[in-house]
């Protein structure tokens, strides 16, 4: 029972993380997606006006809940039927189609609406969502690259250290081991005794989120090389 509970919790945790990433990717361009909503409403409103003025009598079916005797009802009918899957064009039916003009008018209205609303509109929304996922992927790849090629403590890159003749693995495992810094910060926060002057200064800057105590752009190996050159001079 315990193993099942642990397994369930682990599954829920991974599912929540995955769901969070999906939501973040889908809402990366939320401001632009929100702008698309009034444009879609305006398009539907314009077509509702066109259908009300030209073909309100042909759109009336109580069984299918289709009404177009007022602008509001016509707008609701257009939105209700146009958002449903179809093979192109509207899903509503036209009554009393007796003349040829009814055919080309229906073709013109359906084709233009399908191009504006379905092809262009939905593709724009899909492109914005996919672009959000691409940005998240690029950010993740950049973060992974920084973790493997950039020192978290001093900010020196792997190439800069290699050019100085310093081993990258030695640097991140001994000189600037991130877990050593984490342990030190934990000690400063949990220790109840007296601190040395250096520890107290680091603690105060840490509380203020001031990173000036970190060796930015410096490490022991580079400082040692510089001192050796100065002493030889």
Protein backbone atom coordinates (compact mmCIF):
# COMPACT_ATOMS: atom_id res chain seq x y z
CA UNK A 1 0.00 0.00 0.00
CA UNK A 2 2.88 2.34 0.84
CA UNK A 3 4.64 1.61 -2.47
CA UNK A 4 1.39 2.23 -4.33
CA UNK A 5 0.93 5.53 -2.52
CA UNK A 6 4.47 6.64 -3.27
CA UNK A 7 4.08 5.61 -6.90
CA UNK A 8 0.79 7.51 -7.14
CA UNK A 9 2.32 10.63 -5.60
CA UNK A 10 5.26 10.43 -7.98
CA UNK A 11 2.91 10.07 -10.96
CA UNK A 12 0.81 13.01 -9.80
CA UNK A 13 3.94 15.11 -9.29
CA UNK A 14 5.25 14.40 -12.79
CA UNK A 15 1.78 14.98 -14.25
CA UNK A 16 1.47 18.33 -12.47
CA UNK A 17 4.91 19.40 -13.71
CA UNK A 18 4.00 18.38 -17.26
CA UNK A 19 0.65 20.17 -17.01
CA UNK A 20 2.40 23.28 -15.72
CA UNK A 21 4.77 23.26 -18.68
CA UNK A 22 1.88 22.82 -21.12
CA UNK A 23 -0.04 25.71 -19.55
CA UNK A 24 3.07 27.88 -19.54
CA UNK A 25 3.77 27.11 -23.19
CA UNK A 26 0.16 27.74 -24.22
CA UNK A 27 0.03 31.06 -22.34
CA UNK A 28 3.46 32.41 -23.30
CA UNK A 29 1.80 34.72 -25.83
CA UNK A 30 -1.36 35.19 -23.75
CA UNK A 31 -1.46 38.92 -24.46
CA UNK A 32 -1.45 38.30 -28.21
CA UNK A 33 -3.99 35.49 -27.92
CA UNK A 34 -6.31 37.79 -25.99
CA UNK A 35 -6.05 40.34 -28.81
CA UNK A 36 -7.29 37.66 -31.24
CA UNK A 37 -10.57 37.27 -29.32
CA UNK A 38 -12.08 40.68 -30.19
CA UNK A 39 -10.99 40.26 -33.82
CA UNK A 40 -12.81 36.91 -33.97
CA UNK A 41 -15.86 38.50 -32.34
CA UNK A 42 -15.79 41.39 -34.83
CA UNK A 43 -15.65 38.98 -37.78
CA UNK A 44 -18.58 36.97 -36.42
CA UNK A 45 -20.48 40.21 -35.72
CA UNK A 46 -19.98 41.45 -39.30
CA UNK A 47 -21.21 38.16 -40.74
CA UNK A 48 -24.18 38.20 -38.38
CA UNK A 49 -25.13 41.63 -39.74
CA UNK A 50 -24.74 40.41 -43.34
CA UNK A 51 -26.92 37.35 -42.71
CA UNK A 52 -29.51 39.40 -40.85
CA UNK A 53 -29.84 41.94 -43.64
CA UNK A 54 -29.74 39.54 -46.58
CA UNK A 55 -30.83 36.09 -45.46
CA UNK A 56 -32.59 36.27 -42.10
CA UNK A 57 -35.65 34.54 -43.51
CA UNK A 58 -33.64 31.58 -44.76
CA UNK A 59 -32.08 30.86 -41.35
CA UNK A 60 -34.89 29.62 -39.16
CA UNK A 61 -35.07 26.09 -37.80
CA UNK A 62 -36.50 25.44 -34.33
CA UNK A 63 -35.34 21.82 -34.32
CA UNK A 64 -31.71 22.89 -34.86
CA UNK A 65 -32.05 25.98 -32.62
CA UNK A 66 -31.24 28.32 -35.51
CA UNK A 67 -32.67 31.84 -35.32
CA UNK A 68 -31.74 35.03 -37.16
CA UNK A 69 -34.71 37.35 -36.63
CA UNK A 70 -32.63 39.76 -34.50
CA UNK A 71 -28.96 40.72 -34.54
CA UNK A 72 -28.29 39.10 -31.19
CA UNK A 73 -29.91 35.80 -32.20
CA UNK A 74 -28.17 35.88 -35.55
CA UNK A 75 -24.80 36.42 -33.85
CA UNK A 76 -25.41 33.51 -31.47
CA UNK A 77 -26.43 31.29 -34.39
CA UNK A 78 -23.33 32.21 -36.36
CA UNK A 79 -21.02 31.52 -33.42
CA UNK A 80 -22.80 28.31 -32.42
CA UNK A 81 -22.68 26.76 -35.87
CA UNK A 82 -19.43 28.22 -37.18
CA UNK A 83 -17.32 26.90 -34.30
CA UNK A 84 -18.47 23.33 -34.91
CA UNK A 85 -16.32 21.07 -37.14
CA UNK A 86 -17.36 21.14 -40.77
CA UNK A 87 -15.97 20.49 -44.21
CA UNK A 88 -15.66 24.22 -44.79
CA UNK A 89 -18.32 26.87 -44.42
CA UNK A 90 -21.19 27.13 -41.95
CA UNK A 91 -23.18 24.28 -40.48
CA UNK A 92 -26.53 26.03 -40.53
CA UNK A 93 -29.14 25.30 -43.17
CA UNK A 94 -30.81 27.77 -45.54
CA UNK A 95 -34.52 27.61 -46.26
CA UNK A 96 -36.34 28.51 -49.46
CA UNK A 97 -33.32 28.57 -51.80
CA UNK A 98 -35.12 29.21 -55.06
CA UNK A 99 -32.76 31.42 -57.06
CA UNK A 100 -29.24 31.02 -58.39
CA UNK A 101 -28.07 34.07 -56.42
CA UNK A 102 -28.76 32.13 -53.23
CA UNK A 103 -26.09 29.65 -54.32
CA UNK A 104 -23.29 32.10 -55.08
CA UNK A 105 -24.13 34.26 -52.08
CA UNK A 106 -23.95 31.22 -49.84
CA UNK A 107 -20.68 30.21 -51.51
CA UNK A 108 -19.20 33.70 -51.13
CA UNK A 109 -20.23 34.04 -47.48
CA UNK A 110 -19.09 30.55 -46.50
CA UNK A 111 -15.78 30.71 -48.38
CA UNK A 112 -14.82 34.14 -47.06
CA UNK A 113 -15.81 33.24 -43.50
CA UNK A 114 -13.92 29.95 -43.69
CA UNK A 115 -10.77 31.71 -44.95
CA UNK A 116 -10.90 34.52 -42.37
CA UNK A 117 -12.11 32.62 -39.34
CA UNK A 118 -10.93 29.05 -39.79
CA UNK A 119 -7.85 29.16 -42.01
CA UNK A 120 -6.26 32.47 -41.01
CA UNK A 121 -7.67 32.91 -37.49
CA UNK A 122 -7.10 29.40 -36.16
CA UNK A 123 -3.69 29.17 -37.83
CA UNK A 124 -2.63 32.40 -36.14
CA UNK A 125 -3.72 31.04 -32.75
CA UNK A 126 -1.99 27.71 -33.41
CA UNK A 127 1.21 29.47 -34.51
CA UNK A 128 1.26 31.59 -31.34
CA UNK A 129 0.84 28.52 -29.13
CA UNK A 130 3.52 26.54 -31.00
CA UNK A 131 5.87 29.52 -30.84
CA UNK A 132 5.37 29.59 -27.08
CA UNK A 133 6.45 25.95 -26.83
CA UNK A 134 9.46 26.67 -29.05
CA UNK A 135 10.49 29.49 -26.74
CA UNK A 136 10.22 27.23 -23.70
CA UNK A 137 12.32 24.60 -25.44
CA UNK A 138 14.96 27.20 -26.36
CA UNK A 139 15.02 28.50 -22.77
CA UNK A 140 15.42 24.98 -21.41
CA UNK A 141 18.23 24.17 -23.85
CA UNK A 142 19.95 27.46 -22.99
CA UNK A 143 19.65 26.71 -19.26
CA UNK A 144 21.07 23.21 -19.71
CA UNK A 145 23.93 24.62 -21.79
CA UNK A 146 24.70 27.25 -19.13
CA UNK A 147 24.72 24.56 -16.44
CA UNK A 148 27.34 22.56 -18.34
CA UNK A 149 29.47 25.39 -19.76
CA UNK A 150 29.09 28.28 -17.28
CA UNK A 151 30.16 28.39 -13.65
CA UNK A 152 27.19 29.27 -11.45
CA UNK A 153 29.39 30.94 -8.82
CA UNK A 154 31.90 33.08 -10.73
CA UNK A 155 30.27 33.22 -14.17
CA UNK A 156 33.41 32.10 -16.02
CA UNK A 157 32.75 29.94 -19.06
CA UNK A 158 34.32 26.59 -19.78
CA UNK A 159 36.21 28.06 -22.74
CA UNK A 160 37.66 30.90 -20.64
CA UNK A 161 38.92 28.47 -18.02
CA UNK A 162 40.32 26.09 -20.63
CA UNK A 163 42.22 28.96 -22.28
CA UNK A 164 43.79 29.68 -18.90
CA UNK A 165 44.87 26.05 -18.60
CA UNK A 166 42.33 25.31 -15.83
CA UNK A 167 40.40 22.06 -15.79
CA UNK A 168 36.64 22.64 -15.94
CA UNK A 169 35.83 19.58 -13.83
CA UNK A 170 38.34 20.61 -11.16
CA UNK A 171 36.93 24.13 -11.10
CA UNK A 172 33.26 23.17 -10.62
CA UNK A 173 33.96 20.24 -8.29
CA UNK A 174 36.61 21.75 -6.01
CA UNK A 175 37.05 25.51 -6.37
CA UNK A 176 33.45 26.54 -6.95
CA UNK A 177 31.31 23.58 -5.97
CA UNK A 178 27.76 24.93 -5.91
CA UNK A 179 26.71 22.50 -3.17
CA UNK A 180 29.49 23.77 -0.93
CA UNK A 181 28.02 27.26 -1.23
CA UNK A 182 24.51 25.92 -0.55
CA UNK A 183 25.80 24.17 2.58
CA UNK A 184 27.53 27.36 3.69
CA UNK A 185 24.38 29.46 3.22
CA UNK A 186 22.36 26.88 5.14
CA UNK A 187 24.89 27.00 7.95
CA UNK A 188 24.66 30.79 8.11
CA UNK A 189 20.87 30.70 8.35
CA UNK A 190 20.61 27.87 10.88
CA UNK A 191 23.64 28.61 13.07
CA UNK A 192 22.68 30.19 16.38
CA UNK A 193 26.17 30.99 17.68
CA UNK A 194 28.48 33.88 16.99
CA UNK A 195 29.76 34.55 13.49
CA UNK A 196 33.13 35.76 12.35
CA UNK A 197 33.37 39.15 10.66
CA UNK A 198 33.49 37.55 7.22
CA UNK A 199 30.55 35.23 7.93
CA UNK A 200 28.48 38.08 9.31
CA UNK A 201 29.18 40.24 6.25
CA UNK A 202 28.25 37.40 3.88
CA UNK A 203 25.05 36.72 5.86
CA UNK A 204 23.95 40.37 5.71
CA UNK A 205 24.56 40.57 1.96
CA UNK A 206 22.82 37.23 1.44
CA UNK A 207 19.72 38.51 3.25
CA UNK A 208 19.71 41.60 1.02
CA UNK A 209 20.16 39.45 -2.13
CA UNK A 210 23.45 41.26 -2.77
CA UNK A 211 25.76 38.94 -4.76
CA UNK A 212 28.85 41.17 -4.39
CA UNK A 213 30.42 38.67 -1.98
CA UNK A 214 30.65 36.07 -4.75
CA UNK A 215 33.92 35.84 -6.73
CA UNK A 216 32.53 37.22 -9.97
CA UNK A 217 34.94 36.52 -12.83
CA UNK A 218 37.56 35.20 -10.42
CA UNK A 219 38.80 31.92 -9.01
CA UNK A 220 41.74 30.70 -6.96
CA UNK A 221 43.58 29.22 -9.93
CA UNK A 222 43.46 32.46 -11.94
CA UNK A 223 44.42 34.58 -8.92
CA UNK A 224 47.34 32.24 -8.22
CA UNK A 225 48.60 32.56 -11.81
CA UNK A 226 48.35 36.34 -11.67
CA UNK A 227 50.26 36.49 -8.38
CA UNK A 228 52.99 34.23 -9.76
CA UNK A 229 53.41 36.50 -12.78
CA UNK A 230 53.60 39.59 -10.54
CA UNK A 231 56.16 37.95 -8.25
CA UNK A 232 58.36 37.00 -11.21
CA UNK A 233 58.35 40.61 -12.37
